[in-house]
Amino acid sequence: MLRRGDIALAFYPFAAGTGGSRRPVLVLQSDVYNQSIRNTIVAQITSNLARANDAAHLLIDLSTPDGQQSGLLHDSVVSCLNLATLREDRLDRTIGRLSDALMLQVNDCLKAALAIA
């Protein structure tokens, strides 16, 4: 079972609605729902660092201990502007996990992206 904070490989849909690609994603959904339904809400992870300083994005720096436990191969950005609900059969294996400290920062990124006070 996937848990909130896990980084997994997934078939992530293109925004245009047709096709997609295999890429890392961050599981955002609560563990209560991860146990009870067959879909999960995820955020796209990209190695394009152009928006690393934007409030709705979180930089994962592999030179830090938190970054090293992510399982990612390159410095990357979690985009809280690119969310998707994926069926569990679209999610492959877990490659790493974000620390509780980074997940608190993800919460702030989600608040910025969704205008939640």
N, C-alpha and C. Protein backbone atom coordinates (compact mmCIF):
# COMPACT_ATOMS: atom_id res chain seq x y z
N MET A 1 0.82 -1.18 0.00
CA MET A 1 0.00 0.00 0.00
C MET A 1 0.87 1.25 0.00
N LEU A 2 0.53 2.20 -0.84
CA LEU A 2 1.23 3.48 -0.86
C LEU A 2 0.81 4.31 0.35
N ARG A 3 1.76 5.11 0.82
CA ARG A 3 1.49 6.00 1.96
C ARG A 3 1.77 7.44 1.56
N ARG A 4 1.11 8.37 2.23
CA ARG A 4 1.36 9.79 1.99
C ARG A 4 2.84 10.06 2.23
N GLY A 5 3.47 10.74 1.28
CA GLY A 5 4.89 11.03 1.37
C GLY A 5 5.76 10.10 0.55
N ASP A 6 5.18 8.99 0.07
CA ASP A 6 5.92 8.07 -0.79
C ASP A 6 6.17 8.71 -2.15
N ILE A 7 7.33 8.40 -2.72
CA ILE A 7 7.61 8.75 -4.11
C ILE A 7 7.58 7.44 -4.88
N ALA A 8 6.73 7.42 -5.91
CA ALA A 8 6.55 6.22 -6.71
C ALA A 8 6.70 6.56 -8.18
N LEU A 9 6.96 5.55 -8.99
CA LEU A 9 6.92 5.72 -10.43
C LEU A 9 5.48 5.45 -10.88
N ALA A 10 5.01 6.26 -11.82
CA ALA A 10 3.62 6.14 -12.26
C ALA A 10 3.49 6.51 -13.72
N PHE A 11 2.42 6.01 -14.34
CA PHE A 11 2.05 6.49 -15.67
C PHE A 11 1.23 7.74 -15.44
N TYR A 12 1.82 8.90 -15.72
CA TYR A 12 1.21 10.20 -15.42
C TYR A 12 0.63 10.78 -16.70
N PRO A 13 -0.64 11.18 -16.69
CA PRO A 13 -1.28 11.67 -17.92
C PRO A 13 -0.76 13.04 -18.34
N PHE A 14 -0.69 13.26 -19.65
CA PHE A 14 -0.37 14.58 -20.18
C PHE A 14 -1.55 15.51 -19.92
N ALA A 15 -1.29 16.80 -19.71
CA ALA A 15 -2.35 17.77 -19.44
C ALA A 15 -3.36 17.85 -20.58
N ALA A 16 -2.94 17.58 -21.80
CA ALA A 16 -3.85 17.64 -22.95
C ALA A 16 -4.88 16.52 -22.93
N GLY A 17 -4.68 15.53 -22.07
CA GLY A 17 -5.67 14.48 -21.93
C GLY A 17 -5.40 13.23 -22.74
N THR A 18 -4.48 13.29 -23.68
CA THR A 18 -4.17 12.10 -24.47
C THR A 18 -2.74 11.66 -24.17
N GLY A 19 -2.60 10.40 -23.81
CA GLY A 19 -1.28 9.86 -23.55
C GLY A 19 -0.75 10.23 -22.18
N GLY A 20 0.51 9.93 -21.98
CA GLY A 20 1.18 10.21 -20.73
C GLY A 20 2.58 9.64 -20.76
N SER A 21 3.26 9.69 -19.63
CA SER A 21 4.62 9.15 -19.56
C SER A 21 4.86 8.60 -18.16
N ARG A 22 5.84 7.73 -18.07
CA ARG A 22 6.24 7.16 -16.77
C ARG A 22 7.16 8.17 -16.10
N ARG A 23 6.80 8.55 -14.88
CA ARG A 23 7.60 9.55 -14.17
C ARG A 23 7.39 9.41 -12.67
N PRO A 24 8.25 10.03 -11.88
CA PRO A 24 8.05 9.98 -10.43
C PRO A 24 6.91 10.91 -10.00
N VAL A 25 6.19 10.47 -8.98
CA VAL A 25 5.10 11.26 -8.40
C VAL A 25 5.20 11.18 -6.88
N LEU A 26 4.63 12.18 -6.23
CA LEU A 26 4.55 12.20 -4.77
C LEU A 26 3.12 11.90 -4.36
N VAL A 27 2.94 10.93 -3.48
CA VAL A 27 1.61 10.60 -2.97
C VAL A 27 1.21 11.66 -1.95
N LEU A 28 0.06 12.33 -2.23
CA LEU A 28 -0.44 13.39 -1.36
C LEU A 28 -1.61 12.95 -0.50
N GLN A 29 -2.35 11.99 -0.99
CA GLN A 29 -3.60 11.58 -0.35
C GLN A 29 -3.36 11.00 1.04
N SER A 30 -4.31 11.23 1.92
CA SER A 30 -4.28 10.70 3.28
C SER A 30 -4.20 9.17 3.28
N ASP A 31 -3.48 8.62 4.24
CA ASP A 31 -3.36 7.17 4.35
C ASP A 31 -4.71 6.50 4.60
N VAL A 32 -5.63 7.18 5.26
CA VAL A 32 -6.97 6.63 5.49
C VAL A 32 -7.62 6.31 4.14
N TYR A 33 -7.51 7.22 3.18
CA TYR A 33 -8.11 7.00 1.87
C TYR A 33 -7.26 6.08 1.01
N ASN A 34 -5.95 6.10 1.20
CA ASN A 34 -5.10 5.17 0.45
C ASN A 34 -5.45 3.72 0.79
N GLN A 35 -5.93 3.47 2.00
CA GLN A 35 -6.32 2.13 2.41
C GLN A 35 -7.70 1.74 1.91
N SER A 36 -8.57 2.73 1.70
CA SER A 36 -9.97 2.40 1.46
C SER A 36 -10.47 2.57 0.03
N ILE A 37 -9.74 3.30 -0.80
CA ILE A 37 -10.17 3.46 -2.19
C ILE A 37 -9.03 3.11 -3.14
N ARG A 38 -9.36 2.85 -4.39
CA ARG A 38 -8.38 2.37 -5.35
C ARG A 38 -7.76 3.49 -6.19
N ASN A 39 -8.00 4.72 -5.82
CA ASN A 39 -7.38 5.87 -6.48
C ASN A 39 -6.53 6.60 -5.46
N THR A 40 -5.55 7.34 -5.93
CA THR A 40 -4.77 8.18 -5.03
C THR A 40 -4.43 9.49 -5.72
N ILE A 41 -4.35 10.54 -4.93
CA ILE A 41 -4.00 11.87 -5.45
C ILE A 41 -2.49 12.02 -5.34
N VAL A 42 -1.88 12.44 -6.46
CA VAL A 42 -0.43 12.58 -6.53
C VAL A 42 -0.05 13.94 -7.13
N ALA A 43 1.17 14.33 -6.88
CA ALA A 43 1.76 15.52 -7.51
C ALA A 43 2.89 15.08 -8.42
N GLN A 44 2.98 15.73 -9.55
CA GLN A 44 4.04 15.44 -10.52
C GLN A 44 5.39 15.89 -9.97
N ILE A 45 6.43 15.12 -10.27
CA ILE A 45 7.81 15.49 -9.93
C ILE A 45 8.57 15.62 -11.23
N THR A 46 9.33 16.71 -11.35
CA THR A 46 10.08 16.97 -12.57
C THR A 46 11.52 17.36 -12.24
N SER A 47 12.42 17.07 -13.16
CA SER A 47 13.82 17.49 -12.99
C SER A 47 14.04 18.88 -13.59
N ASN A 48 13.00 19.48 -14.17
CA ASN A 48 13.07 20.85 -14.67
C ASN A 48 12.98 21.78 -13.46
N LEU A 49 14.06 22.46 -13.15
CA LEU A 49 14.14 23.27 -11.93
C LEU A 49 13.72 24.72 -12.13
N ALA A 50 13.15 25.05 -13.28
CA ALA A 50 12.81 26.44 -13.61
C ALA A 50 11.90 27.09 -12.57
N ARG A 51 11.00 26.32 -11.96
CA ARG A 51 10.06 26.89 -10.99
C ARG A 51 10.41 26.53 -9.54
N ALA A 52 11.64 26.19 -9.30
CA ALA A 52 12.05 25.73 -7.97
C ALA A 52 11.80 26.77 -6.88
N ASN A 53 11.81 28.04 -7.22
CA ASN A 53 11.61 29.10 -6.21
C ASN A 53 10.16 29.56 -6.11
N ASP A 54 9.26 28.98 -6.89
CA ASP A 54 7.86 29.34 -6.85
C ASP A 54 7.20 28.75 -5.61
N ALA A 55 6.26 29.46 -5.01
CA ALA A 55 5.62 29.04 -3.76
C ALA A 55 4.84 27.73 -3.89
N ALA A 56 4.41 27.38 -5.09
CA ALA A 56 3.63 26.16 -5.29
C ALA A 56 4.51 24.97 -5.68
N HIS A 57 5.81 25.12 -5.56
CA HIS A 57 6.76 24.07 -5.94
C HIS A 57 7.76 23.85 -4.81
N LEU A 58 8.21 22.61 -4.67
CA LEU A 58 9.19 22.28 -3.64
C LEU A 58 10.43 21.66 -4.29
N LEU A 59 11.58 22.25 -4.04
CA LEU A 59 12.84 21.72 -4.52
C LEU A 59 13.28 20.56 -3.65
N ILE A 60 13.64 19.46 -4.29
CA ILE A 60 14.23 18.32 -3.60
C ILE A 60 15.70 18.30 -4.00
N ASP A 61 16.55 18.67 -3.07
CA ASP A 61 17.99 18.80 -3.30
C ASP A 61 18.67 17.51 -2.84
N LEU A 62 19.25 16.78 -3.79
CA LEU A 62 19.84 15.48 -3.47
C LEU A 62 21.12 15.58 -2.65
N SER A 63 21.66 16.78 -2.48
CA SER A 63 22.86 16.91 -1.65
C SER A 63 22.52 16.94 -0.16
N THR A 64 21.21 16.93 0.18
CA THR A 64 20.79 16.94 1.58
C THR A 64 20.35 15.52 1.98
N PRO A 65 20.39 15.21 3.29
CA PRO A 65 19.91 13.90 3.74
C PRO A 65 18.44 13.66 3.36
N ASP A 66 17.58 14.69 3.46
CA ASP A 66 16.18 14.55 3.07
C ASP A 66 16.07 14.23 1.58
N GLY A 67 16.87 14.89 0.78
CA GLY A 67 16.84 14.65 -0.66
C GLY A 67 17.32 13.26 -1.02
N GLN A 68 18.30 12.76 -0.30
CA GLN A 68 18.86 11.44 -0.60
C GLN A 68 17.86 10.32 -0.33
N GLN A 69 16.96 10.49 0.63
CA GLN A 69 15.99 9.42 0.90
C GLN A 69 14.82 9.45 -0.07
N SER A 70 14.81 10.43 -0.99
CA SER A 70 13.72 10.53 -1.97
C SER A 70 13.76 9.43 -3.02
N GLY A 71 14.95 8.87 -3.25
CA GLY A 71 15.08 7.84 -4.29
C GLY A 71 15.19 8.40 -5.70
N LEU A 72 15.17 9.73 -5.81
CA LEU A 72 15.27 10.37 -7.13
C LEU A 72 16.72 10.36 -7.62
N LEU A 73 16.91 10.45 -8.92
CA LEU A 73 18.24 10.41 -9.51
C LEU A 73 18.84 11.79 -9.71
N HIS A 74 17.99 12.83 -9.73
CA HIS A 74 18.44 14.20 -9.99
C HIS A 74 17.72 15.15 -9.04
N ASP A 75 18.33 16.33 -8.78
CA ASP A 75 17.59 17.37 -8.10
C ASP A 75 16.28 17.55 -8.84
N SER A 76 15.18 17.69 -8.12
CA SER A 76 13.87 17.71 -8.75
C SER A 76 12.95 18.68 -8.03
N VAL A 77 11.79 18.91 -8.64
CA VAL A 77 10.78 19.80 -8.08
C VAL A 77 9.45 19.06 -8.02
N VAL A 78 8.81 19.12 -6.85
CA VAL A 78 7.43 18.65 -6.72
C VAL A 78 6.54 19.81 -7.12
N SER A 79 5.68 19.58 -8.11
CA SER A 79 4.79 20.63 -8.59
C SER A 79 3.40 20.43 -8.01
N CYS A 80 3.02 21.31 -7.11
CA CYS A 80 1.68 21.25 -6.53
C CYS A 80 0.66 21.93 -7.45
N LEU A 81 1.09 22.35 -8.63
CA LEU A 81 0.19 22.85 -9.66
C LEU A 81 -0.19 21.74 -10.64
N ASN A 82 0.51 20.63 -10.59
CA ASN A 82 0.24 19.50 -11.48
C ASN A 82 -0.13 18.29 -10.64
N LEU A 83 -1.42 18.22 -10.31
CA LEU A 83 -1.96 17.14 -9.49
C LEU A 83 -2.80 16.23 -10.36
N ALA A 84 -2.88 14.97 -9.97
CA ALA A 84 -3.73 14.01 -10.69
C ALA A 84 -4.24 12.98 -9.71
N THR A 85 -5.40 12.43 -10.03
CA THR A 85 -5.94 11.28 -9.32
C THR A 85 -5.71 10.07 -10.21
N LEU A 86 -4.93 9.12 -9.72
CA LEU A 86 -4.55 7.95 -10.51
C LEU A 86 -5.11 6.68 -9.88
N ARG A 87 -5.55 5.76 -10.72
CA ARG A 87 -5.93 4.43 -10.25
C ARG A 87 -4.67 3.73 -9.77
N GLU A 88 -4.84 2.85 -8.81
CA GLU A 88 -3.66 2.18 -8.25
C GLU A 88 -2.89 1.36 -9.28
N ASP A 89 -3.56 0.91 -10.36
CA ASP A 89 -2.83 0.15 -11.37
C ASP A 89 -1.95 1.04 -12.25
N ARG A 90 -2.05 2.36 -12.11
CA ARG A 90 -1.18 3.30 -12.82
C ARG A 90 0.08 3.61 -12.03
N LEU A 91 0.11 3.15 -10.78
CA LEU A 91 1.25 3.40 -9.90
C LEU A 91 2.12 2.16 -9.83
N ASP A 92 3.41 2.35 -10.08
CA ASP A 92 4.36 1.25 -10.07
C ASP A 92 4.98 1.16 -8.68
N ARG A 93 6.22 0.91 -8.63
CA ARG A 93 6.90 0.70 -7.35
C ARG A 93 7.28 2.02 -6.66
N THR A 94 7.39 1.94 -5.35
CA THR A 94 7.86 3.07 -4.55
C THR A 94 9.37 3.12 -4.65
N ILE A 95 9.91 4.32 -4.90
CA ILE A 95 11.37 4.45 -5.02
C ILE A 95 11.98 5.20 -3.84
N GLY A 96 11.17 5.88 -3.05
CA GLY A 96 11.69 6.64 -1.92
C GLY A 96 10.56 7.28 -1.15
N ARG A 97 10.94 8.22 -0.32
CA ARG A 97 9.97 8.86 0.58
C ARG A 97 10.48 10.24 0.95
N LEU A 98 9.54 11.18 1.14
CA LEU A 98 9.91 12.49 1.66
C LEU A 98 9.79 12.49 3.18
N SER A 99 10.68 13.20 3.83
CA SER A 99 10.66 13.30 5.28
C SER A 99 9.43 14.08 5.74
N ASP A 100 9.12 13.96 7.02
CA ASP A 100 8.01 14.73 7.59
C ASP A 100 8.24 16.23 7.42
N ALA A 101 9.49 16.66 7.56
CA ALA A 101 9.80 18.09 7.40
C ALA A 101 9.51 18.56 5.98
N LEU A 102 9.89 17.77 4.98
CA LEU A 102 9.59 18.15 3.60
C LEU A 102 8.09 18.09 3.31
N MET A 103 7.39 17.14 3.92
CA MET A 103 5.95 17.05 3.69
C MET A 103 5.23 18.27 4.29
N LEU A 104 5.74 18.82 5.38
CA LEU A 104 5.17 20.07 5.90
C LEU A 104 5.35 21.20 4.88
N GLN A 105 6.50 21.20 4.19
CA GLN A 105 6.72 22.20 3.14
C GLN A 105 5.79 21.95 1.95
N VAL A 106 5.54 20.68 1.64
CA VAL A 106 4.59 20.35 0.57
C VAL A 106 3.21 20.89 0.94
N ASN A 107 2.81 20.75 2.20
CA ASN A 107 1.53 21.30 2.64
C ASN A 107 1.45 22.79 2.33
N ASP A 108 2.53 23.52 2.59
CA ASP A 108 2.56 24.96 2.29
C ASP A 108 2.45 25.21 0.79
N CYS A 109 3.10 24.37 -0.01
CA CYS A 109 3.02 24.51 -1.47
C CYS A 109 1.59 24.27 -1.96
N LEU A 110 0.92 23.27 -1.38
CA LEU A 110 -0.47 23.01 -1.73
C LEU A 110 -1.36 24.18 -1.37
N LYS A 111 -1.12 24.78 -0.20
CA LYS A 111 -1.90 25.96 0.21
C LYS A 111 -1.71 27.10 -0.78
N ALA A 112 -0.48 27.30 -1.23
CA ALA A 112 -0.21 28.36 -2.22
C ALA A 112 -0.89 28.06 -3.55
N ALA A 113 -0.81 26.81 -3.99
CA ALA A 113 -1.38 26.43 -5.28
C ALA A 113 -2.90 26.51 -5.30
N LEU A 114 -3.52 26.19 -4.17
CA LEU A 114 -4.98 26.09 -4.11
C LEU A 114 -5.63 27.27 -3.38
N ALA A 115 -4.84 28.26 -3.00
CA ALA A 115 -5.33 29.45 -2.28
C ALA A 115 -6.10 29.07 -1.02
N ILE A 116 -5.50 28.17 -0.24
CA ILE A 116 -6.07 27.76 1.03
C ILE A 116 -5.34 28.49 2.14
N ALA A 117 -6.08 29.18 2.99
CA ALA A 117 -5.46 29.97 4.05
C ALA A 117 -4.88 29.11 5.14
